Amino acid sequence: MSFYVYLSGEIHTDWREEIQRGAESAGLDVVFTAPVTDHAASDAAGDHLGKPENGFWRDHQSSKVNAIRTRTMIEQADLVVVRFGDQYKQWNAAFDAGYCAALAKPYITLHSEDIVHPLKEVDAGAQAWCTTTGQVVETLRYVLKA
Protein backbone atom coordinates (compact mmCIF):
# COMPACT_ATOMS: atom_id res chain seq x y z
CA MET A 1 0.00 0.00 0.00
CA SER A 2 1.44 3.35 -1.02
CA PHE A 3 1.74 6.30 1.36
CA TYR A 4 0.75 9.62 -0.25
CA VAL A 5 2.80 12.70 0.59
CA TYR A 6 2.03 16.21 -0.68
CA LEU A 7 5.09 18.48 -0.88
CA SER A 8 3.90 22.05 -0.29
CA GLY A 9 5.71 25.35 -0.24
CA GLU A 10 8.87 26.92 -1.57
CA ILE A 11 9.49 26.31 -5.29
CA HIS A 12 12.94 27.80 -5.89
CA THR A 13 15.20 24.96 -4.70
CA ASP A 14 15.42 21.20 -5.28
CA TRP A 15 14.21 20.12 -1.83
CA ARG A 16 11.39 18.03 -3.34
CA GLU A 17 13.83 16.03 -5.45
CA GLU A 18 16.08 15.48 -2.40
CA ILE A 19 13.18 14.00 -0.44
CA GLN A 20 12.06 11.88 -3.38
CA ARG A 21 15.59 10.50 -3.93
CA GLY A 22 15.98 9.83 -0.21
CA ALA A 23 12.67 7.98 -0.01
CA GLU A 24 13.56 5.92 -3.06
CA SER A 25 17.00 5.08 -1.63
CA ALA A 26 15.34 4.01 1.63
CA GLY A 27 12.96 1.74 -0.29
CA LEU A 28 9.87 3.58 0.88
CA ASP A 29 6.56 3.06 -0.93
CA VAL A 30 5.68 6.74 -1.22
CA VAL A 31 3.77 8.58 -3.92
CA PHE A 32 4.67 12.26 -3.96
CA THR A 33 2.46 15.04 -5.27
CA ALA A 34 3.08 18.77 -5.39
CA PRO A 35 1.69 22.08 -6.56
CA VAL A 36 2.64 23.44 -9.96
CA THR A 37 6.24 24.53 -9.40
CA ASP A 38 6.61 26.53 -12.62
CA HIS A 39 6.04 30.02 -11.20
CA ALA A 40 4.90 31.59 -14.48
CA ALA A 41 2.52 28.72 -15.23
CA SER A 42 1.04 28.94 -11.73
CA ASP A 43 0.53 32.69 -12.07
CA ALA A 44 -1.21 32.09 -15.42
CA ALA A 45 -3.41 29.20 -14.26
CA GLY A 46 -6.63 31.18 -14.74
CA ASP A 47 -5.66 33.16 -17.84
CA HIS A 48 -7.76 30.91 -20.08
CA LEU A 49 -10.88 32.20 -18.25
CA GLY A 50 -10.49 35.72 -19.61
CA LYS A 51 -8.31 38.78 -19.21
CA PRO A 52 -9.04 40.52 -15.91
CA GLU A 53 -8.86 44.30 -15.73
CA ASN A 54 -6.06 44.34 -13.13
CA GLY A 55 -3.45 42.17 -11.40
CA PHE A 56 -5.56 41.52 -8.31
CA TRP A 57 -8.25 39.77 -10.35
CA ARG A 58 -5.69 37.81 -12.37
CA ASP A 59 -4.13 36.54 -9.14
CA HIS A 60 -7.58 35.84 -7.70
CA GLN A 61 -8.63 33.88 -10.79
CA SER A 62 -5.40 31.86 -10.93
CA SER A 63 -5.36 31.14 -7.20
CA LYS A 64 -8.82 29.60 -7.47
CA VAL A 65 -7.74 27.36 -10.34
CA ASN A 66 -4.57 26.39 -8.45
CA ALA A 67 -6.71 25.64 -5.37
CA ILE A 68 -8.47 22.85 -7.25
CA ARG A 69 -5.16 20.98 -7.43
CA THR A 70 -3.87 22.02 -4.01
CA ARG A 71 -7.00 21.21 -2.03
CA THR A 72 -7.56 17.91 -3.80
CA MET A 73 -3.98 16.73 -3.28
CA ILE A 74 -3.85 17.83 0.36
CA GLU A 75 -7.15 16.07 1.07
CA GLN A 76 -5.91 12.88 -0.62
CA ALA A 77 -2.51 12.92 1.12
CA ASP A 78 -1.64 10.81 4.14
CA LEU A 79 0.92 13.43 5.14
CA VAL A 80 1.90 16.92 3.97
CA VAL A 81 5.40 18.39 4.12
CA VAL A 82 5.33 22.19 4.18
CA ARG A 83 8.62 23.87 3.20
CA PHE A 84 9.37 27.47 4.14
CA GLY A 85 12.43 28.75 2.29
CA ASP A 86 14.76 31.56 3.17
CA GLN A 87 14.38 33.74 0.09
CA TYR A 88 10.66 34.53 -0.08
CA LYS A 89 7.73 34.72 2.30
CA GLN A 90 5.60 31.73 1.42
CA TRP A 91 2.12 32.80 2.44
CA ASN A 92 0.73 29.97 0.34
CA ALA A 93 2.71 27.47 2.43
CA ALA A 94 1.31 28.96 5.64
CA PHE A 95 -2.18 28.72 4.16
CA ASP A 96 -1.58 25.06 3.25
CA ALA A 97 -0.40 24.31 6.80
CA GLY A 98 -3.52 25.97 8.18
CA TYR A 99 -5.68 23.96 5.80
CA CYS A 100 -3.99 20.78 7.04
CA ALA A 101 -4.62 21.80 10.64
CA ALA A 102 -8.29 22.47 9.88
CA LEU A 103 -8.62 19.04 8.26
CA ALA A 104 -6.67 17.33 11.08
CA LYS A 105 -4.28 16.25 8.32
CA PRO A 106 -0.81 15.39 9.68
CA TYR A 107 1.91 17.73 8.44
CA ILE A 108 5.62 18.30 8.89
CA THR A 109 7.23 21.71 8.59
CA LEU A 110 10.63 22.05 6.94
CA HIS A 111 12.54 25.27 7.59
CA SER A 112 15.66 26.74 9.11
CA GLU A 113 15.96 27.66 12.77
CA ASP A 114 16.12 31.40 12.07
CA ILE A 115 12.40 31.54 11.23
CA VAL A 116 11.12 29.53 14.19
CA HIS A 117 9.56 32.60 15.83
CA PRO A 118 7.41 33.78 12.90
CA LEU A 119 6.27 30.19 12.32
CA LYS A 120 5.56 29.31 15.95
CA GLU A 121 1.82 28.78 15.41
CA VAL A 122 2.40 26.82 12.20
CA ASP A 123 4.99 24.62 13.93
CA ALA A 124 2.73 24.16 16.97
CA GLY A 125 0.17 22.43 14.75
CA ALA A 126 2.75 20.26 12.98
CA GLN A 127 3.55 16.70 13.97
CA ALA A 128 7.27 17.38 13.39
CA TRP A 129 9.62 20.24 12.53
CA CYS A 130 12.57 19.35 10.33
CA THR A 131 15.53 21.47 9.31
CA THR A 132 16.83 19.13 6.60
CA THR A 133 15.35 16.98 3.88
CA GLY A 134 17.22 14.05 5.43
CA GLN A 135 15.19 14.49 8.62
CA VAL A 136 12.00 14.39 6.53
CA VAL A 137 13.12 11.14 4.88
CA GLU A 138 14.05 9.65 8.27
CA THR A 139 10.63 10.62 9.63
CA LEU A 140 8.97 8.93 6.65
CA ARG A 141 11.16 5.86 7.13
CA TYR A 142 10.14 5.64 10.79
CA VAL A 143 6.43 6.10 10.05
CA LEU A 144 6.43 3.49 7.30
CA LYS A 145 8.90 0.90 8.57
CA ALA A 146 9.09 1.10 12.37
C-alpha atoms as a PDB file:
ATOM      1  CA  MET A   1       0.000   0.000   0.000  1.00  0.00           C
ATOM      2  CA  SER A   2       1.440   3.353  -1.021  1.00  0.00           C
ATOM      3  CA  PHE A   3       1.736   6.299   1.359  1.00  0.00           C
ATOM      4  CA  TYR A   4       0.750   9.617  -0.251  1.00  0.00           C
ATOM      5  CA  VAL A   5       2.803  12.704   0.594  1.00  0.00           C
ATOM      6  CA  TYR A   6       2.030  16.206  -0.685  1.00  0.00           C
ATOM      7  CA  LEU A   7       5.090  18.478  -0.884  1.00  0.00           C
ATOM      8  CA  SER A   8       3.904  22.049  -0.287  1.00  0.00           C
ATOM      9  CA  GLY A   9       5.705  25.352  -0.241  1.00  0.00           C
ATOM     10  CA  GLU A  10       8.866  26.920  -1.573  1.00  0.00           C
ATOM     11  CA  ILE A  11       9.493  26.314  -5.293  1.00  0.00           C
ATOM     12  CA  HIS A  12      12.937  27.804  -5.892  1.00  0.00           C
ATOM     13  CA  THR A  13      15.198  24.961  -4.700  1.00  0.00           C
ATOM     14  CA  ASP A  14      15.419  21.199  -5.284  1.00  0.00           C
ATOM     15  CA  TRP A  15      14.206  20.124  -1.830  1.00  0.00           C
ATOM     16  CA  ARG A  16      11.391  18.032  -3.343  1.00  0.00           C
ATOM     17  CA  GLU A  17      13.827  16.029  -5.446  1.00  0.00           C
ATOM     18  CA  GLU A  18      16.079  15.484  -2.403  1.00  0.00           C
ATOM     19  CA  ILE A  19      13.185  13.996  -0.439  1.00  0.00           C
ATOM     20  CA  GLN A  20      12.059  11.878  -3.381  1.00  0.00           C
ATOM     21  CA  ARG A  21      15.592  10.505  -3.932  1.00  0.00           C
ATOM     22  CA  GLY A  22      15.984   9.827  -0.209  1.00  0.00           C
ATOM     23  CA  ALA A  23      12.673   7.981  -0.007  1.00  0.00           C
ATOM     24  CA  GLU A  24      13.561   5.917  -3.062  1.00  0.00           C
ATOM     25  CA  SER A  25      16.996   5.080  -1.626  1.00  0.00           C
ATOM     26  CA  ALA A  26      15.340   4.014   1.631  1.00  0.00           C
ATOM     27  CA  GLY A  27      12.965   1.744  -0.292  1.00  0.00           C
ATOM     28  CA  LEU A  28       9.873   3.578   0.884  1.00  0.00           C
ATOM     29  CA  ASP A  29       6.565   3.058  -0.927  1.00  0.00           C
ATOM     30  CA  VAL A  30       5.683   6.742  -1.215  1.00  0.00           C
ATOM     31  CA  VAL A  31       3.774   8.577  -3.919  1.00  0.00           C
ATOM     32  CA  PHE A  32       4.670  12.257  -3.956  1.00  0.00           C
ATOM     33  CA  THR A  33       2.462  15.037  -5.267  1.00  0.00           C
ATOM     34  CA  ALA A  34       3.075  18.772  -5.392  1.00  0.00           C
ATOM     35  CA  PRO A  35       1.689  22.081  -6.565  1.00  0.00           C
ATOM     36  CA  VAL A  36       2.638  23.444  -9.957  1.00  0.00           C
ATOM     37  CA  THR A  37       6.238  24.530  -9.404  1.00  0.00           C
ATOM     38  CA  ASP A  38       6.614  26.529 -12.616  1.00  0.00           C
ATOM     39  CA  HIS A  39       6.039  30.018 -11.204  1.00  0.00           C
ATOM     40  CA  ALA A  40       4.903  31.590 -14.477  1.00  0.00           C
ATOM     41  CA  ALA A  41       2.516  28.718 -15.227  1.00  0.00           C
ATOM     42  CA  SER A  42       1.035  28.937 -11.731  1.00  0.00           C
ATOM     43  CA  ASP A  43       0.533  32.689 -12.067  1.00  0.00           C
ATOM     44  CA  ALA A  44      -1.208  32.093 -15.416  1.00  0.00           C
ATOM     45  CA  ALA A  45      -3.410  29.204 -14.256  1.00  0.00           C
ATOM     46  CA  GLY A  46      -6.628  31.181 -14.744  1.00  0.00           C
ATOM     47  CA  ASP A  47      -5.660  33.157 -17.840  1.00  0.00           C
ATOM     48  CA  HIS A  48      -7.760  30.915 -20.077  1.00  0.00           C
ATOM     49  CA  LEU A  49     -10.877  32.200 -18.248  1.00  0.00           C
ATOM     50  CA  GLY A  50     -10.485  35.720 -19.612  1.00  0.00           C
ATOM     51  CA  LYS A  51      -8.312  38.781 -19.213  1.00  0.00           C
ATOM     52  CA  PRO A  52      -9.037  40.519 -15.906  1.00  0.00           C
ATOM     53  CA  GLU A  53      -8.862  44.303 -15.732  1.00  0.00           C
ATOM     54  CA  ASN A  54      -6.065  44.337 -13.132  1.00  0.00           C
ATOM     55  CA  GLY A  55      -3.455  42.169 -11.396  1.00  0.00           C
ATOM     56  CA  PHE A  56      -5.564  41.522  -8.311  1.00  0.00           C
ATOM     57  CA  TRP A  57      -8.248  39.769 -10.350  1.00  0.00           C
ATOM     58  CA  ARG A  58      -5.687  37.811 -12.374  1.00  0.00           C
ATOM     59  CA  ASP A  59      -4.126  36.542  -9.141  1.00  0.00           C
ATOM     60  CA  HIS A  60      -7.579  35.837  -7.697  1.00  0.00           C
ATOM     61  CA  GLN A  61      -8.630  33.882 -10.788  1.00  0.00           C
ATOM     62  CA  SER A  62      -5.402  31.863 -10.935  1.00  0.00           C
ATOM     63  CA  SER A  63      -5.359  31.139  -7.198  1.00  0.00           C
ATOM     64  CA  LYS A  64      -8.819  29.603  -7.469  1.00  0.00           C
ATOM     65  CA  VAL A  65      -7.740  27.356 -10.344  1.00  0.00           C
ATOM     66  CA  ASN A  66      -4.573  26.386  -8.447  1.00  0.00           C
ATOM     67  CA  ALA A  67      -6.709  25.645  -5.370  1.00  0.00           C
ATOM     68  CA  ILE A  68      -8.475  22.848  -7.255  1.00  0.00           C
ATOM     69  CA  ARG A  69      -5.162  20.977  -7.430  1.00  0.00           C
ATOM     70  CA  THR A  70      -3.866  22.020  -4.009  1.00  0.00           C
ATOM     71  CA  ARG A  71      -6.999  21.205  -2.029  1.00  0.00           C
ATOM     72  CA  THR A  72      -7.556  17.907  -3.797  1.00  0.00           C
ATOM     73  CA  MET A  73      -3.981  16.727  -3.278  1.00  0.00           C
ATOM     74  CA  ILE A  74      -3.852  17.828   0.363  1.00  0.00           C
ATOM     75  CA  GLU A  75      -7.149  16.067   1.073  1.00  0.00           C
ATOM     76  CA  GLN A  76      -5.905  12.876  -0.618  1.00  0.00           C
ATOM     77  CA  ALA A  77      -2.510  12.915   1.122  1.00  0.00           C
ATOM     78  CA  ASP A  78      -1.643  10.808   4.136  1.00  0.00           C
ATOM     79  CA  LEU A  79       0.920  13.426   5.145  1.00  0.00           C
ATOM     80  CA  VAL A  80       1.897  16.916   3.973  1.00  0.00           C
ATOM     81  CA  VAL A  81       5.399  18.389   4.119  1.00  0.00           C
ATOM     82  CA  VAL A  82       5.329  22.193   4.181  1.00  0.00           C
ATOM     83  CA  ARG A  83       8.616  23.867   3.199  1.00  0.00           C
ATOM     84  CA  PHE A  84       9.371  27.469   4.143  1.00  0.00           C
ATOM     85  CA  GLY A  85      12.430  28.747   2.293  1.00  0.00           C
ATOM     86  CA  ASP A  86      14.758  31.562   3.173  1.00  0.00           C
ATOM     87  CA  GLN A  87      14.380  33.739   0.092  1.00  0.00           C
ATOM     88  CA  TYR A  88      10.664  34.527  -0.084  1.00  0.00           C
ATOM     89  CA  LYS A  89       7.734  34.716   2.304  1.00  0.00           C
ATOM     90  CA  GLN A  90       5.595  31.727   1.424  1.00  0.00           C
ATOM     91  CA  TRP A  91       2.115  32.804   2.441  1.00  0.00           C
ATOM     92  CA  ASN A  92       0.732  29.970   0.343  1.00  0.00           C
ATOM     93  CA  ALA A  93       2.705  27.471   2.435  1.00  0.00           C
ATOM     94  CA  ALA A  94       1.309  28.961   5.639  1.00  0.00           C
ATOM     95  CA  PHE A  95      -2.177  28.718   4.156  1.00  0.00           C
ATOM     96  CA  ASP A  96      -1.579  25.056   3.247  1.00  0.00           C
ATOM     97  CA  ALA A  97      -0.403  24.306   6.797  1.00  0.00           C
ATOM     98  CA  GLY A  98      -3.524  25.972   8.183  1.00  0.00           C
ATOM     99  CA  TYR A  99      -5.675  23.964   5.804  1.00  0.00           C
ATOM    100  CA  CYS A 100      -3.988  20.782   7.041  1.00  0.00           C
ATOM    101  CA  ALA A 101      -4.619  21.798  10.642  1.00  0.00           C
ATOM    102  CA  ALA A 102      -8.291  22.473   9.885  1.00  0.00           C
ATOM    103  CA  LEU A 103      -8.622  19.038   8.263  1.00  0.00           C
ATOM    104  CA  ALA A 104      -6.675  17.328  11.081  1.00  0.00           C
ATOM    105  CA  LYS A 105      -4.276  16.250   8.319  1.00  0.00           C
ATOM    106  CA  PRO A 106      -0.808  15.390   9.678  1.00  0.00           C
ATOM    107  CA  TYR A 107       1.915  17.727   8.441  1.00  0.00           C
ATOM    108  CA  ILE A 108       5.618  18.305   8.893  1.00  0.00           C
ATOM    109  CA  THR A 109       7.227  21.715   8.588  1.00  0.00           C
ATOM    110  CA  LEU A 110      10.630  22.051   6.941  1.00  0.00           C
ATOM    111  CA  HIS A 111      12.537  25.267   7.592  1.00  0.00           C
ATOM    112  CA  SER A 112      15.658  26.744   9.111  1.00  0.00           C
ATOM    113  CA  GLU A 113      15.964  27.664  12.767  1.00  0.00           C
ATOM    114  CA  ASP A 114      16.121  31.404  12.074  1.00  0.00           C
ATOM    115  CA  ILE A 115      12.404  31.540  11.230  1.00  0.00           C
ATOM    116  CA  VAL A 116      11.123  29.532  14.192  1.00  0.00           C
ATOM    117  CA  HIS A 117       9.563  32.601  15.832  1.00  0.00           C
ATOM    118  CA  PRO A 118       7.410  33.781  12.896  1.00  0.00           C
ATOM    119  CA  LEU A 119       6.273  30.193  12.318  1.00  0.00           C
ATOM    120  CA  LYS A 120       5.557  29.308  15.948  1.00  0.00           C
ATOM    121  CA  GLU A 121       1.818  28.778  15.411  1.00  0.00           C
ATOM    122  CA  VAL A 122       2.399  26.816  12.200  1.00  0.00           C
ATOM    123  CA  ASP A 123       4.986  24.625  13.935  1.00  0.00           C
ATOM    124  CA  ALA A 124       2.730  24.162  16.967  1.00  0.00           C
ATOM    125  CA  GLY A 125       0.171  22.430  14.749  1.00  0.00           C
ATOM    126  CA  ALA A 126       2.752  20.258  12.980  1.00  0.00           C
ATOM    127  CA  GLN A 127       3.555  16.698  13.975  1.00  0.00           C
ATOM    128  CA  ALA A 128       7.266  17.381  13.391  1.00  0.00           C
ATOM    129  CA  TRP A 129       9.616  20.244  12.532  1.00  0.00           C
ATOM    130  CA  CYS A 130      12.567  19.347  10.331  1.00  0.00           C
ATOM    131  CA  THR A 131      15.525  21.469   9.309  1.00  0.00           C
ATOM    132  CA  THR A 132      16.828  19.128   6.598  1.00  0.00           C
ATOM    133  CA  THR A 133      15.348  16.981   3.879  1.00  0.00           C
ATOM    134  CA  GLY A 134      17.219  14.050   5.428  1.00  0.00           C
ATOM    135  CA  GLN A 135      15.186  14.490   8.619  1.00  0.00           C
ATOM    136  CA  VAL A 136      12.000  14.394   6.533  1.00  0.00           C
ATOM    137  CA  VAL A 137      13.125  11.139   4.882  1.00  0.00           C
ATOM    138  CA  GLU A 138      14.052   9.646   8.265  1.00  0.00           C
ATOM    139  CA  THR A 139      10.628  10.615   9.631  1.00  0.00           C
ATOM    140  CA  LEU A 140       8.973   8.935   6.651  1.00  0.00           C
ATOM    141  CA  ARG A 141      11.163   5.861   7.134  1.00  0.00           C
ATOM    142  CA  TYR A 142      10.137   5.641  10.789  1.00  0.00           C
ATOM    143  CA  VAL A 143       6.431   6.096  10.047  1.00  0.00           C
ATOM    144  CA  LEU A 144       6.432   3.495   7.297  1.00  0.00           C
ATOM    145  CA  LYS A 145       8.903   0.902   8.572  1.00  0.00           C
ATOM    146  CA  ALA A 146       9.088   1.096  12.373  1.00  0.00           C
END
